[in-house]
């Protein structure tokens, strides 16, 4: 079994792709193995709408994160609520891999 290193996992979250001005609501924003991933609820399973290697970041869980990549900047923050009923919250996004949690 391979490992997956999770440095950040925000859910429910909103994500603004700064360069395009696109905002995604009810997302899951993660930094996984050094890559920024923005996941969105889709049927029948969640899909990645943005992924790129993280180059730098600012912020924290209270104020939100600004995640810089060579492909653009993602501004992410926790949404209110619990995300109850969303498959995105319970989905095993990294199936078959052992999850190792660490911090940014």
PDB file of N, CA and C in Angstrom:
ATOM      1  N   UNK A   1       0.848  -1.180   0.000  1.00  0.00           N
ATOM      2  CA  UNK A   1       0.000   0.000   0.000  1.00  0.00           C
ATOM      3  C   UNK A   1       0.891   1.240   0.000  1.00  0.00           C
ATOM      4  N   UNK A   2       0.575   2.179  -0.873  1.00  0.00           N
ATOM      5  CA  UNK A   2       1.338   3.424  -0.924  1.00  0.00           C
ATOM      6  C   UNK A   2       0.744   4.441   0.044  1.00  0.00           C
ATOM      7  N   UNK A   3       1.550   5.430   0.380  1.00  0.00           N
ATOM      8  CA  UNK A   3       1.124   6.484   1.303  1.00  0.00           C
ATOM      9  C   UNK A   3       0.649   7.702   0.529  1.00  0.00           C
ATOM     10  N   UNK A   4      -0.239   8.450   1.148  1.00  0.00           N
ATOM     11  CA  UNK A   4      -0.635   9.758   0.641  1.00  0.00           C
ATOM     12  C   UNK A   4      -0.472  10.736   1.808  1.00  0.00           C
ATOM     13  N   UNK A   5       0.274  11.809   1.581  1.00  0.00           N
ATOM     14  CA  UNK A   5       0.532  12.798   2.624  1.00  0.00           C
ATOM     15  C   UNK A   5      -0.457  13.946   2.452  1.00  0.00           C
ATOM     16  N   UNK A   6      -1.312  14.127   3.450  1.00  0.00           N
ATOM     17  CA  UNK A   6      -2.332  15.179   3.439  1.00  0.00           C
ATOM     18  C   UNK A   6      -1.835  16.325   4.321  1.00  0.00           C
ATOM     19  N   UNK A   7      -1.542  17.463   3.703  1.00  0.00           N
ATOM     20  CA  UNK A   7      -1.068  18.619   4.451  1.00  0.00           C
ATOM     21  C   UNK A   7      -2.192  19.594   4.798  1.00  0.00           C
ATOM     22  N   UNK A   8      -3.279  19.534   4.056  1.00  0.00           N
ATOM     23  CA  UNK A   8      -4.427  20.404   4.293  1.00  0.00           C
ATOM     24  C   UNK A   8      -5.654  19.707   3.731  1.00  0.00           C
ATOM     25  N   UNK A   9      -6.759  19.751   4.479  1.00  0.00           N
ATOM     26  CA  UNK A   9      -8.012  19.160   4.009  1.00  0.00           C
ATOM     27  C   UNK A   9      -9.154  20.005   4.569  1.00  0.00           C
ATOM     28  N   UNK A  10      -9.655  20.942   3.773  1.00  0.00           N
ATOM     29  CA  UNK A  10     -10.734  21.840   4.187  1.00  0.00           C
ATOM     30  C   UNK A  10     -12.049  21.380   3.579  1.00  0.00           C
ATOM     31  N   UNK A  11     -13.038  21.155   4.428  1.00  0.00           N
ATOM     32  CA  UNK A  11     -14.380  20.803   3.962  1.00  0.00           C
ATOM     33  C   UNK A  11     -15.385  21.141   5.051  1.00  0.00           C
ATOM     34  N   UNK A  12     -16.519  21.730   4.721  1.00  0.00           N
ATOM     35  CA  UNK A  12     -16.853  22.333   3.437  1.00  0.00           C
ATOM     36  C   UNK A  12     -16.057  23.623   3.240  1.00  0.00           C
ATOM     37  N   UNK A  13     -15.737  23.917   2.011  1.00  0.00           N
ATOM     38  CA  UNK A  13     -14.897  25.071   1.706  1.00  0.00           C
ATOM     39  C   UNK A  13     -15.385  25.757   0.441  1.00  0.00           C
ATOM     40  N   UNK A  14     -14.940  26.997   0.292  1.00  0.00           N
ATOM     41  CA  UNK A  14     -15.124  27.700  -0.973  1.00  0.00           C
ATOM     42  C   UNK A  14     -13.731  27.937  -1.542  1.00  0.00           C
ATOM     43  N   UNK A  15     -13.644  27.980  -2.854  1.00  0.00           N
ATOM     44  CA  UNK A  15     -12.345  28.164  -3.500  1.00  0.00           C
ATOM     45  C   UNK A  15     -12.488  29.157  -4.643  1.00  0.00           C
ATOM     46  N   UNK A  16     -11.655  30.175  -4.623  1.00  0.00           N
ATOM     47  CA  UNK A  16     -11.599  31.163  -5.690  1.00  0.00           C
ATOM     48  C   UNK A  16     -10.325  30.919  -6.481  1.00  0.00           C
ATOM     49  N   UNK A  17     -10.459  30.673  -7.778  1.00  0.00           N
ATOM     50  CA  UNK A  17      -9.299  30.592  -8.662  1.00  0.00           C
ATOM     51  C   UNK A  17      -9.024  32.020  -9.117  1.00  0.00           C
ATOM     52  N   UNK A  18      -8.038  32.650  -8.506  1.00  0.00           N
ATOM     53  CA  UNK A  18      -7.846  34.092  -8.619  1.00  0.00           C
ATOM     54  C   UNK A  18      -7.651  34.578 -10.052  1.00  0.00           C
ATOM     55  N   UNK A  19      -6.886  33.873 -10.851  1.00  0.00           N
ATOM     56  CA  UNK A  19      -6.591  34.349 -12.200  1.00  0.00           C
ATOM     57  C   UNK A  19      -7.816  34.350 -13.099  1.00  0.00           C
ATOM     58  N   UNK A  20      -8.677  33.352 -12.955  1.00  0.00           N
ATOM     59  CA  UNK A  20      -9.866  33.285 -13.817  1.00  0.00           C
ATOM     60  C   UNK A  20     -11.077  33.952 -13.185  1.00  0.00           C
ATOM     61  N   UNK A  21     -11.029  34.187 -11.868  1.00  0.00           N
ATOM     62  CA  UNK A  21     -12.166  34.766 -11.175  1.00  0.00           C
ATOM     63  C   UNK A  21     -13.279  33.770 -10.912  1.00  0.00           C
ATOM     64  N   UNK A  22     -13.007  32.487 -11.104  1.00  0.00           N
ATOM     65  CA  UNK A  22     -14.008  31.446 -10.894  1.00  0.00           C
ATOM     66  C   UNK A  22     -14.074  31.067  -9.426  1.00  0.00           C
ATOM     67  N   UNK A  23     -15.281  31.082  -8.865  1.00  0.00           N
ATOM     68  CA  UNK A  23     -15.486  30.673  -7.480  1.00  0.00           C
ATOM     69  C   UNK A  23     -16.266  29.375  -7.450  1.00  0.00           C
ATOM     70  N   UNK A  24     -15.773  28.429  -6.694  1.00  0.00           N
ATOM     71  CA  UNK A  24     -16.467  27.162  -6.477  1.00  0.00           C
ATOM     72  C   UNK A  24     -16.927  27.132  -5.029  1.00  0.00           C
ATOM     73  N   UNK A  25     -18.215  26.852  -4.822  1.00  0.00           N
ATOM     74  CA  UNK A  25     -18.777  26.721  -3.482  1.00  0.00           C
ATOM     75  C   UNK A  25     -18.970  25.248  -3.170  1.00  0.00           C
ATOM     76  N   UNK A  26     -19.061  24.930  -1.891  1.00  0.00           N
ATOM     77  CA  UNK A  26     -19.256  23.554  -1.447  1.00  0.00           C
ATOM     78  C   UNK A  26     -18.203  22.629  -2.066  1.00  0.00           C
ATOM     79  N   UNK A  27     -16.948  22.966  -1.823  1.00  0.00           N
ATOM     80  CA  UNK A  27     -15.831  22.176  -2.336  1.00  0.00           C
ATOM     81  C   UNK A  27     -15.056  21.557  -1.185  1.00  0.00           C
ATOM     82  N   UNK A  28     -14.100  20.752  -1.553  1.00  0.00           N
ATOM     83  CA  UNK A  28     -13.118  20.231  -0.611  1.00  0.00           C
ATOM     84  C   UNK A  28     -11.771  20.627  -1.185  1.00  0.00           C
ATOM     85  N   UNK A  29     -11.014  21.397  -0.423  1.00  0.00           N
ATOM     86  CA  UNK A  29      -9.710  21.881  -0.864  1.00  0.00           C
ATOM     87  C   UNK A  29      -8.652  21.139  -0.063  1.00  0.00           C
ATOM     88  N   UNK A  30      -7.711  20.532  -0.775  1.00  0.00           N
ATOM     89  CA  UNK A  30      -6.688  19.735  -0.104  1.00  0.00           C
ATOM     90  C   UNK A  30      -5.318  20.027  -0.702  1.00  0.00           C
ATOM     91  N   UNK A  31      -4.305  19.859   0.146  1.00  0.00           N
ATOM     92  CA  UNK A  31      -2.928  19.825  -0.340  1.00  0.00           C
ATOM     93  C   UNK A  31      -2.456  18.407  -0.084  1.00  0.00           C
ATOM     94  N   UNK A  32      -2.212  17.689  -1.167  1.00  0.00           N
ATOM     95  CA  UNK A  32      -1.940  16.259  -1.128  1.00  0.00           C
ATOM     96  C   UNK A  32      -0.637  15.977  -1.866  1.00  0.00           C
ATOM     97  N   UNK A  33       0.308  15.396  -1.154  1.00  0.00           N
ATOM     98  CA  UNK A  33       1.613  15.084  -1.756  1.00  0.00           C
ATOM     99  C   UNK A  33       2.204  16.311  -2.454  1.00  0.00           C
ATOM    100  N   UNK A  34       2.001  17.496  -1.850  1.00  0.00           N
ATOM    101  CA  UNK A  34       2.556  18.730  -2.401  1.00  0.00           C
ATOM    102  C   UNK A  34       1.752  19.359  -3.517  1.00  0.00           C
ATOM    103  N   UNK A  35       0.573  18.803  -3.833  1.00  0.00           N
ATOM    104  CA  UNK A  35      -0.281  19.348  -4.880  1.00  0.00           C
ATOM    105  C   UNK A  35      -1.554  19.928  -4.300  1.00  0.00           C
ATOM    106  N   UNK A  36      -1.968  21.085  -4.800  1.00  0.00           N
ATOM    107  CA  UNK A  36      -3.254  21.670  -4.432  1.00  0.00           C
ATOM    108  C   UNK A  36      -4.326  20.961  -5.248  1.00  0.00           C
ATOM    109  N   UNK A  37      -5.382  20.497  -4.578  1.00  0.00           N
ATOM    110  CA  UNK A  37      -6.506  19.852  -5.258  1.00  0.00           C
ATOM    111  C   UNK A  37      -7.795  20.525  -4.808  1.00  0.00           C
ATOM    112  N   UNK A  38      -8.624  20.914  -5.767  1.00  0.00           N
ATOM    113  CA  UNK A  38      -9.961  21.437  -5.474  1.00  0.00           C
ATOM    114  C   UNK A  38     -10.956  20.420  -6.024  1.00  0.00           C
ATOM    115  N   UNK A  39     -11.732  19.841  -5.115  1.00  0.00           N
ATOM    116  CA  UNK A  39     -12.732  18.823  -5.461  1.00  0.00           C
ATOM    117  C   UNK A  39     -14.120  19.430  -5.397  1.00  0.00           C
ATOM    118  N   UNK A  40     -15.001  18.997  -6.312  1.00  0.00           N
ATOM    119  CA  UNK A  40     -16.383  19.475  -6.323  1.00  0.00           C
ATOM    120  C   UNK A  40     -17.324  18.279  -6.371  1.00  0.00           C
ATOM    121  N   UNK A  41     -18.481  18.435  -5.713  1.00  0.00           N
ATOM    122  CA  UNK A  41     -19.502  17.395  -5.763  1.00  0.00           C
ATOM    123  C   UNK A  41     -20.018  17.232  -7.174  1.00  0.00           C
ATOM    124  N   UNK A  42     -20.018  16.039  -7.673  1.00  0.00           N
ATOM    125  CA  UNK A  42     -20.611  15.690  -8.959  1.00  0.00           C
ATOM    126  C   UNK A  42     -21.261  14.327  -8.773  1.00  0.00           C
ATOM    127  N   UNK A  43     -22.179  14.005  -9.643  1.00  0.00           N
ATOM    128  CA  UNK A  43     -22.786  12.685  -9.574  1.00  0.00           C
ATOM    129  C   UNK A  43     -22.124  11.808 -10.631  1.00  0.00           C
ATOM    130  N   UNK A  44     -21.715  10.606 -10.357  1.00  0.00           N
ATOM    131  CA  UNK A  44     -21.925   9.832  -9.134  1.00  0.00           C
ATOM    132  C   UNK A  44     -20.798   9.970  -8.125  1.00  0.00           C
ATOM    133  N   UNK A  45     -19.720  10.692  -8.471  1.00  0.00           N
ATOM    134  CA  UNK A  45     -18.586  10.803  -7.547  1.00  0.00           C
ATOM    135  C   UNK A  45     -17.955  12.188  -7.677  1.00  0.00           C
ATOM    136  N   UNK A  46     -17.263  12.652  -6.636  1.00  0.00           N
ATOM    137  CA  UNK A  46     -16.583  13.944  -6.698  1.00  0.00           C
ATOM    138  C   UNK A  46     -15.533  13.972  -7.813  1.00  0.00           C
ATOM    139  N   UNK A  47     -15.269  15.168  -8.346  1.00  0.00           N
ATOM    140  CA  UNK A  47     -14.262  15.346  -9.393  1.00  0.00           C
ATOM    141  C   UNK A  47     -13.303  16.468  -9.007  1.00  0.00           C
ATOM    142  N   UNK A  48     -12.081  16.366  -9.495  1.00  0.00           N
ATOM    143  CA  UNK A  48     -11.084  17.420  -9.293  1.00  0.00           C
ATOM    144  C   UNK A  48     -11.307  18.488 -10.359  1.00  0.00           C
ATOM    145  N   UNK A  49     -11.473  19.747  -9.923  1.00  0.00           N
ATOM    146  CA  UNK A  49     -11.645  20.846 -10.878  1.00  0.00           C
ATOM    147  C   UNK A  49     -10.375  21.681 -11.022  1.00  0.00           C
ATOM    148  N   UNK A  50      -9.405  21.462 -10.114  1.00  0.00           N
ATOM    149  CA  UNK A  50      -8.116  22.158 -10.208  1.00  0.00           C
ATOM    150  C   UNK A  50      -7.080  21.320  -9.487  1.00  0.00           C
ATOM    151  N   UNK A  51      -5.919  21.199 -10.090  1.00  0.00           N
ATOM    152  CA  UNK A  51      -4.787  20.562  -9.419  1.00  0.00           C
ATOM    153  C   UNK A  51      -3.493  21.135  -9.984  1.00  0.00           C
ATOM    154  N   UNK A  52      -2.550  21.413  -9.089  1.00  0.00           N
ATOM    155  CA  UNK A  52      -1.242  21.941  -9.478  1.00  0.00           C
ATOM    156  C   UNK A  52      -0.316  21.858  -8.263  1.00  0.00           C
ATOM    157  N   UNK A  53       0.992  21.754  -8.495  1.00  0.00           N
ATOM    158  CA  UNK A  53       1.939  21.710  -7.383  1.00  0.00           C
ATOM    159  C   UNK A  53       1.945  23.026  -6.583  1.00  0.00           C
ATOM    160  N   UNK A  54       1.927  22.900  -5.257  1.00  0.00           N
ATOM    161  CA  UNK A  54       1.983  24.055  -4.355  1.00  0.00           C
ATOM    162  C   UNK A  54       3.393  24.624  -4.364  1.00  0.00           C
ATOM    163  N   UNK A  55       3.508  25.950  -4.551  1.00  0.00           N
ATOM    164  CA  UNK A  55       4.822  26.594  -4.488  1.00  0.00           C
ATOM    165  C   UNK A  55       5.002  27.378  -3.198  1.00  0.00           C
ATOM    166  N   UNK A  56       3.912  27.972  -2.675  1.00  0.00           N
ATOM    167  CA  UNK A  56       3.967  28.683  -1.392  1.00  0.00           C
ATOM    168  C   UNK A  56       2.542  28.917  -0.915  1.00  0.00           C
ATOM    169  N   UNK A  57       2.410  29.325   0.348  1.00  0.00           N
ATOM    170  CA  UNK A  57       1.075  29.581   0.908  1.00  0.00           C
ATOM    171  C   UNK A  57       1.164  30.610   2.017  1.00  0.00           C
ATOM    172  N   UNK A  58       0.011  31.221   2.299  1.00  0.00           N
ATOM    173  CA  UNK A  58      -0.163  32.072   3.476  1.00  0.00           C
ATOM    174  C   UNK A  58      -1.495  31.710   4.089  1.00  0.00           C
ATOM    175  N   UNK A  59      -1.644  31.975   5.389  1.00  0.00           N
ATOM    176  CA  UNK A  59      -2.934  31.834   6.032  1.00  0.00           C
ATOM    177  C   UNK A  59      -3.013  30.713   7.034  1.00  0.00           C
ATOM    178  N   UNK A  60      -4.238  30.530   7.518  1.00  0.00           N
ATOM    179  CA  UNK A  60      -4.526  29.480   8.496  1.00  0.00           C
ATOM    180  C   UNK A  60      -6.004  29.136   8.404  1.00  0.00           C
ATOM    181  N   UNK A  61      -6.422  28.178   9.207  1.00  0.00           N
ATOM    182  CA  UNK A  61      -7.802  27.698   9.110  1.00  0.00           C
ATOM    183  C   UNK A  61      -8.815  28.770   9.515  1.00  0.00           C
ATOM    184  N   UNK A  62      -8.431  29.703  10.353  1.00  0.00           N
ATOM    185  CA  UNK A  62      -9.362  30.761  10.781  1.00  0.00           C
ATOM    186  C   UNK A  62      -9.544  31.844   9.729  1.00  0.00           C
ATOM    187  N   UNK A  63      -8.457  32.236   9.083  1.00  0.00           N
ATOM    188  CA  UNK A  63      -8.519  33.350   8.129  1.00  0.00           C
ATOM    189  C   UNK A  63      -8.646  32.889   6.688  1.00  0.00           C
ATOM    190  N   UNK A  64      -8.392  31.616   6.439  1.00  0.00           N
ATOM    191  CA  UNK A  64      -8.385  31.091   5.082  1.00  0.00           C
ATOM    192  C   UNK A  64      -6.963  30.992   4.568  1.00  0.00           C
ATOM    193  N   UNK A  65      -6.829  30.352   3.436  1.00  0.00           N
ATOM    194  CA  UNK A  65      -5.510  30.104   2.850  1.00  0.00           C
ATOM    195  C   UNK A  65      -5.405  30.722   1.467  1.00  0.00           C
ATOM    196  N   UNK A  66      -4.240  31.242   1.161  1.00  0.00           N
ATOM    197  CA  UNK A  66      -3.889  31.631  -0.196  1.00  0.00           C
ATOM    198  C   UNK A  66      -2.814  30.653  -0.630  1.00  0.00           C
ATOM    199  N   UNK A  67      -3.164  29.820  -1.608  1.00  0.00           N
ATOM    200  CA  UNK A  67      -2.290  28.743  -2.060  1.00  0.00           C
ATOM    201  C   UNK A  67      -1.751  29.095  -3.443  1.00  0.00           C
ATOM    202  N   UNK A  68      -0.442  29.282  -3.534  1.00  0.00           N
ATOM    203  CA  UNK A  68       0.178  29.689  -4.791  1.00  0.00           C
ATOM    204  C   UNK A  68       0.702  28.470  -5.542  1.00  0.00           C
ATOM    205  N   UNK A  69       0.435  28.447  -6.836  1.00  0.00           N
ATOM    206  CA  UNK A  69       0.960  27.413  -7.726  1.00  0.00           C
ATOM    207  C   UNK A  69       1.453  28.095  -8.994  1.00  0.00           C
ATOM    208  N   UNK A  70       2.193  27.374  -9.819  1.00  0.00           N
ATOM    209  CA  UNK A  70       2.615  27.935 -11.108  1.00  0.00           C
ATOM    210  C   UNK A  70       1.439  28.095 -12.058  1.00  0.00           C
ATOM    211  N   UNK A  71       0.340  27.382 -11.789  1.00  0.00           N
ATOM    212  CA  UNK A  71      -0.857  27.455 -12.635  1.00  0.00           C
ATOM    213  C   UNK A  71      -1.846  28.516 -12.171  1.00  0.00           C
ATOM    214  N   UNK A  72      -1.573  29.163 -11.046  1.00  0.00           N
ATOM    215  CA  UNK A  72      -2.476  30.181 -10.528  1.00  0.00           C
ATOM    216  C   UNK A  72      -2.596  30.093  -9.022  1.00  0.00           C
ATOM    217  N   UNK A  73      -3.345  31.013  -8.467  1.00  0.00           N
ATOM    218  CA  UNK A  73      -3.538  31.115  -7.024  1.00  0.00           C
ATOM    219  C   UNK A  73      -4.939  30.667  -6.664  1.00  0.00           C
ATOM    220  N   UNK A  74      -5.029  29.875  -5.594  1.00  0.00           N
ATOM    221  CA  UNK A  74      -6.310  29.427  -5.060  1.00  0.00           C
ATOM    222  C   UNK A  74      -6.487  30.071  -3.699  1.00  0.00           C
ATOM    223  N   UNK A  75      -7.601  30.784  -3.524  1.00  0.00           N
ATOM    224  CA  UNK A  75      -7.934  31.374  -2.232  1.00  0.00           C
ATOM    225  C   UNK A  75      -9.054  30.519  -1.649  1.00  0.00           C
ATOM    226  N   UNK A  76      -8.762  29.864  -0.530  1.00  0.00           N
ATOM    227  CA  UNK A  76      -9.691  28.885   0.028  1.00  0.00           C
ATOM    228  C   UNK A  76      -9.999  29.205   1.481  1.00  0.00           C
ATOM    229  N   UNK A  77     -11.247  28.967   1.867  1.00  0.00           N
ATOM    230  CA  UNK A  77     -11.654  29.169   3.248  1.00  0.00           C
ATOM    231  C   UNK A  77     -12.774  28.225   3.624  1.00  0.00           C
ATOM    232  N   UNK A  78     -12.917  28.011   4.916  1.00  0.00           N
ATOM    233  CA  UNK A  78     -13.990  27.152   5.420  1.00  0.00           C
ATOM    234  C   UNK A  78     -15.330  27.827   5.178  1.00  0.00           C
ATOM    235  N   UNK A  79     -16.302  27.041   4.713  1.00  0.00           N
ATOM    236  CA  UNK A  79     -17.675  27.500   4.596  1.00  0.00           C
ATOM    237  C   UNK A  79     -18.393  27.194   5.896  1.00  0.00           C
ATOM    238  N   UNK A  80     -19.480  27.906   6.137  1.00  0.00           N
ATOM    239  CA  UNK A  80     -20.308  27.604   7.286  1.00  0.00           C
ATOM    240  C   UNK A  80     -21.028  26.285   7.078  1.00  0.00           C
ATOM    241  N   UNK A  81     -21.553  25.760   8.126  1.00  0.00           N
ATOM    242  CA  UNK A  81     -22.296  24.510   8.018  1.00  0.00           C
ATOM    243  C   UNK A  81     -21.405  23.308   8.170  1.00  0.00           C
ATOM    244  N   UNK A  82     -22.028  22.159   8.006  1.00  0.00           N
ATOM    245  CA  UNK A  82     -21.321  20.910   8.251  1.00  0.00           C
ATOM    246  C   UNK A  82     -21.085  20.100   6.988  1.00  0.00           C
ATOM    247  N   UNK A  83     -21.704  20.457   5.895  1.00  0.00           N
ATOM    248  CA  UNK A  83     -21.558  19.667   4.675  1.00  0.00           C
ATOM    249  C   UNK A  83     -22.319  18.361   4.736  1.00  0.00           C
ATOM    250  N   UNK A  84     -23.268  18.291   5.667  1.00  0.00           N
ATOM    251  CA  UNK A  84     -24.038  17.060   5.841  1.00  0.00           C
ATOM    252  C   UNK A  84     -24.738  16.680   4.542  1.00  0.00           C
ATOM    253  N   UNK A  85     -24.715  15.414   4.237  1.00  0.00           N
ATOM    254  CA  UNK A  85     -25.387  14.921   3.046  1.00  0.00           C
ATOM    255  C   UNK A  85     -24.574  15.032   1.779  1.00  0.00           C
ATOM    256  N   UNK A  86     -23.437  15.686   1.836  1.00  0.00           N
ATOM    257  CA  UNK A  86     -22.599  15.827   0.646  1.00  0.00           C
ATOM    258  C   UNK A  86     -21.675  14.621   0.525  1.00  0.00           C
ATOM    259  N   UNK A  87     -21.700  13.970  -0.608  1.00  0.00           N
ATOM    260  CA  UNK A  87     -20.817  12.815  -0.801  1.00  0.00           C
ATOM    261  C   UNK A  87     -19.354  13.220  -0.741  1.00  0.00           C
ATOM    262  N   UNK A  88     -19.080  14.482  -0.993  1.00  0.00           N
ATOM    263  CA  UNK A  88     -17.714  14.972  -0.964  1.00  0.00           C
ATOM    264  C   UNK A  88     -17.089  14.850   0.423  1.00  0.00           C
ATOM    265  N   UNK A  89     -17.894  14.990   1.454  1.00  0.00           N
ATOM    266  CA  UNK A  89     -17.370  14.895   2.825  1.00  0.00           C
ATOM    267  C   UNK A  89     -17.026  13.487   3.241  1.00  0.00           C
ATOM    268  N   UNK A  90     -17.724  12.515   2.717  1.00  0.00           N
ATOM    269  CA  UNK A  90     -17.492  11.126   3.116  1.00  0.00           C
ATOM    270  C   UNK A  90     -16.730  10.324   2.070  1.00  0.00           C
ATOM    271  N   UNK A  91     -16.486  10.901   0.920  1.00  0.00           N
ATOM    272  CA  UNK A  91     -15.808  10.176  -0.159  1.00  0.00           C
ATOM    273  C   UNK A  91     -14.366   9.848   0.220  1.00  0.00           C
ATOM    274  N   UNK A  92     -13.921   8.675  -0.154  1.00  0.00           N
ATOM    275  CA  UNK A  92     -12.527   8.281   0.030  1.00  0.00           C
ATOM    276  C   UNK A  92     -11.781   8.722  -1.224  1.00  0.00           C
ATOM    277  N   UNK A  93     -11.315   9.974  -1.208  1.00  0.00           N
ATOM    278  CA  UNK A  93     -10.725  10.573  -2.401  1.00  0.00           C
ATOM    279  C   UNK A  93      -9.384   9.948  -2.781  1.00  0.00           C
ATOM    280  N   UNK A  94      -8.744   9.330  -1.827  1.00  0.00           N
ATOM    281  CA  UNK A  94      -7.437   8.731  -2.084  1.00  0.00           C
ATOM    282  C   UNK A  94      -7.495   7.238  -1.749  1.00  0.00           C
ATOM    283  N   UNK A  95      -8.459   6.574  -2.335  1.00  0.00           N
ATOM    284  CA  UNK A  95      -8.728   5.161  -2.052  1.00  0.00           C
ATOM    285  C   UNK A  95      -7.493   4.293  -2.324  1.00  0.00           C
ATOM    286  N   UNK A  96      -7.317   3.311  -1.454  1.00  0.00           N
ATOM    287  CA  UNK A  96      -6.227   2.364  -1.623  1.00  0.00           C
ATOM    288  C   UNK A  96      -4.877   2.872  -1.173  1.00  0.00           C
ATOM    289  N   UNK A  97      -4.853   4.065  -0.594  1.00  0.00           N
ATOM    290  CA  UNK A  97      -3.600   4.640  -0.108  1.00  0.00           C
ATOM    291  C   UNK A  97      -3.712   4.919   1.379  1.00  0.00           C
ATOM    292  N   UNK A  98      -2.649   4.703   2.098  1.00  0.00           N
ATOM    293  CA  UNK A  98      -2.628   4.972   3.542  1.00  0.00           C
ATOM    294  C   UNK A  98      -2.448   6.477   3.759  1.00  0.00           C
ATOM    295  N   UNK A  99      -3.381   7.065   4.507  1.00  0.00           N
ATOM    296  CA  UNK A  99      -3.408   8.513   4.727  1.00  0.00           C
ATOM    297  C   UNK A  99      -2.465   8.895   5.872  1.00  0.00           C
ATOM    298  N   UNK A 100      -1.557   9.823   5.605  1.00  0.00           N
ATOM    299  CA  UNK A 100      -0.655  10.352   6.620  1.00  0.00           C
ATOM    300  C   UNK A 100      -0.948  11.849   6.722  1.00  0.00           C
ATOM    301  N   UNK A 101      -1.461  12.286   7.865  1.00  0.00           N
ATOM    302  CA  UNK A 101      -1.804  13.687   8.064  1.00  0.00           C
ATOM    303  C   UNK A 101      -0.603  14.443   8.639  1.00  0.00           C
ATOM    304  N   UNK A 102      -0.354  15.599   8.089  1.00  0.00           N
ATOM    305  CA  UNK A 102       0.683  16.491   8.587  1.00  0.00           C
ATOM    306  C   UNK A 102       0.196  17.909   8.333  1.00  0.00           C
ATOM    307  N   UNK A 103       0.946  18.911   8.720  1.00  0.00           N
ATOM    308  CA  UNK A 103       0.486  20.283   8.504  1.00  0.00           C
ATOM    309  C   UNK A 103       1.352  20.969   7.461  1.00  0.00           C
ATOM    310  N   UNK A 104       0.806  22.067   6.912  1.00  0.00           N
ATOM    311  CA  UNK A 104       1.551  22.851   5.923  1.00  0.00           C
ATOM    312  C   UNK A 104       2.752  23.489   6.577  1.00  0.00           C
TER     313      UNK A 104
END
